[in-house]
Amino acid sequence: MLKKNGSYEKVVNEKMRGGEGTVTIEHFLNQEEMYNKGRLFARITVAPNSSIGYHVHEGEMETFHIISGTAKISDNGVDIIANVGDTVLTKSMTGHSVECVGEEPLVMVALIVFE
């Protein structure tokens, strides 16, 4: 099966998880296509001055890889900066928030899998 770029289900979120501004999610695969082993495999674009609010993952882990832009992340309450090529892991029962810092949109590939 081939899914062409531009054909992915796209969801635009305002103030995602209590954050600010706009976050766009383009779903590469849905949960069924992941054999119910996870719930997200997607490209996430966080607009400048936008963020995903702090949240905790329970029974799942999330990893994301920075494609472009710069992220300020609250990694379980500790602020870190992630740049192009960096990968961030949030294990089950830990939390994070993600903020786009700078003029360029933050683009990440994200994967959430179940424990």
Protein backbone atom coordinates (compact mmCIF):
# COMPACT_ATOMS: atom_id res chain seq x y z
CA MET A 1 0.00 0.00 0.00
CA LEU A 2 1.22 3.49 -0.81
CA LYS A 3 -0.14 6.61 0.80
CA LYS A 4 0.86 9.69 -1.17
CA ASN A 5 2.02 12.88 0.49
CA GLY A 6 -0.94 15.24 0.60
CA SER A 7 -3.48 12.41 0.96
CA TYR A 8 -3.16 12.07 4.75
CA GLU A 9 -6.04 12.84 7.08
CA LYS A 10 -5.35 16.35 8.37
CA VAL A 11 -6.64 17.72 11.68
CA VAL A 12 -6.15 21.36 12.70
CA ASN A 13 -6.24 21.96 16.46
CA GLU A 14 -6.62 25.32 18.18
CA LYS A 15 -5.16 25.57 21.70
CA MET A 16 -4.28 21.85 21.67
CA ARG A 17 -4.32 20.32 25.16
CA GLY A 18 -4.61 23.81 26.63
CA GLY A 19 -1.71 25.21 24.62
CA GLU A 20 -1.68 28.30 22.41
CA GLY A 21 -2.26 28.88 18.71
CA THR A 22 -2.51 26.28 15.96
CA VAL A 23 -1.21 22.70 15.67
CA THR A 24 -1.78 20.65 12.51
CA ILE A 25 -1.60 16.85 12.57
CA GLU A 26 -1.27 14.85 9.35
CA HIS A 27 -1.91 11.18 10.14
CA PHE A 28 0.39 8.84 8.18
CA LEU A 29 -1.37 5.78 9.64
CA ASN A 30 -4.49 5.30 11.72
CA GLN A 31 -4.75 3.00 14.73
CA GLU A 32 -6.16 0.10 12.68
CA GLU A 33 -3.30 0.38 10.17
CA MET A 34 -0.93 0.17 13.16
CA TYR A 35 -2.54 -3.17 14.11
CA ASN A 36 -3.82 -1.48 17.29
CA LYS A 37 -0.25 -1.41 18.66
CA GLY A 38 -0.32 2.39 18.78
CA ARG A 39 -2.55 5.36 18.18
CA LEU A 40 -0.46 7.91 16.30
CA PHE A 41 2.08 8.03 13.52
CA ALA A 42 1.97 11.52 12.08
CA ARG A 43 3.64 14.72 10.98
CA ILE A 44 2.88 17.45 13.52
CA THR A 45 3.33 21.12 12.62
CA VAL A 46 3.28 23.65 15.44
CA ALA A 47 2.91 27.21 14.14
CA PRO A 48 5.18 29.98 15.48
CA ASN A 49 3.95 31.27 18.87
CA SER A 50 1.91 28.06 19.28
CA SER A 51 2.17 25.09 21.62
CA ILE A 52 0.79 21.74 22.77
CA GLY A 53 -0.12 22.02 26.46
CA TYR A 54 1.37 19.84 29.18
CA HIS A 55 -0.09 16.33 29.34
CA VAL A 56 0.84 12.93 30.77
CA HIS A 57 0.95 9.70 28.76
CA GLU A 58 -0.59 6.69 30.52
CA GLY A 59 -0.19 3.18 29.09
CA GLU A 60 1.67 4.49 26.07
CA MET A 61 4.87 6.22 25.09
CA GLU A 62 5.45 9.00 22.58
CA THR A 63 8.55 9.80 20.63
CA PHE A 64 9.02 12.61 18.18
CA HIS A 65 11.81 13.61 15.86
CA ILE A 66 12.40 17.26 14.94
CA ILE A 67 12.38 17.82 11.15
CA SER A 68 12.51 21.63 11.14
CA GLY A 69 12.22 24.50 13.59
CA THR A 70 13.09 24.63 17.28
CA ALA A 71 11.08 23.23 20.19
CA LYS A 72 10.99 24.24 23.83
CA ILE A 73 9.83 21.16 25.69
CA SER A 74 8.76 20.71 29.27
CA ASP A 75 10.11 17.18 29.73
CA ASN A 76 8.39 15.99 32.90
CA GLY A 77 8.68 19.53 34.26
CA VAL A 78 12.25 20.23 33.08
CA ASP A 79 12.58 22.70 30.18
CA ILE A 80 14.81 21.59 27.31
CA ILE A 81 15.46 22.84 23.77
CA ALA A 82 15.22 20.37 20.87
CA ASN A 83 16.63 21.20 17.44
CA VAL A 84 16.59 19.66 13.96
CA GLY A 85 17.67 16.01 14.13
CA ASP A 86 16.89 15.62 17.85
CA THR A 87 14.55 12.88 19.10
CA VAL A 88 12.50 13.19 22.29
CA LEU A 89 11.01 10.25 24.22
CA THR A 90 8.16 10.51 26.73
CA LYS A 91 7.58 7.22 28.54
CA SER A 92 4.34 6.07 30.12
CA MET A 93 3.38 7.96 33.31
CA THR A 94 5.53 10.95 32.36
CA GLY A 95 4.46 14.17 30.68
CA HIS A 96 5.50 16.90 28.33
CA SER A 97 4.49 20.07 26.53
CA VAL A 98 5.87 21.35 23.24
CA GLU A 99 6.26 24.97 22.15
CA CYS A 100 7.47 26.33 18.83
CA VAL A 101 10.14 28.93 19.48
CA GLY A 102 11.46 31.14 16.71
CA GLU A 103 10.04 32.38 13.42
CA GLU A 104 9.91 29.03 11.60
CA PRO A 105 7.13 26.44 12.15
CA LEU A 106 8.13 23.41 14.22
CA VAL A 107 7.70 20.18 12.22
CA MET A 108 8.01 16.80 13.93
CA VAL A 109 7.31 13.17 13.10
CA ALA A 110 5.52 11.65 16.10
CA LEU A 111 4.84 8.05 17.08
CA ILE A 112 2.68 6.91 20.00
CA VAL A 113 2.70 3.18 20.82
CA PHE A 114 0.97 1.26 23.61
CA GLU A 115 2.82 -0.47 26.48
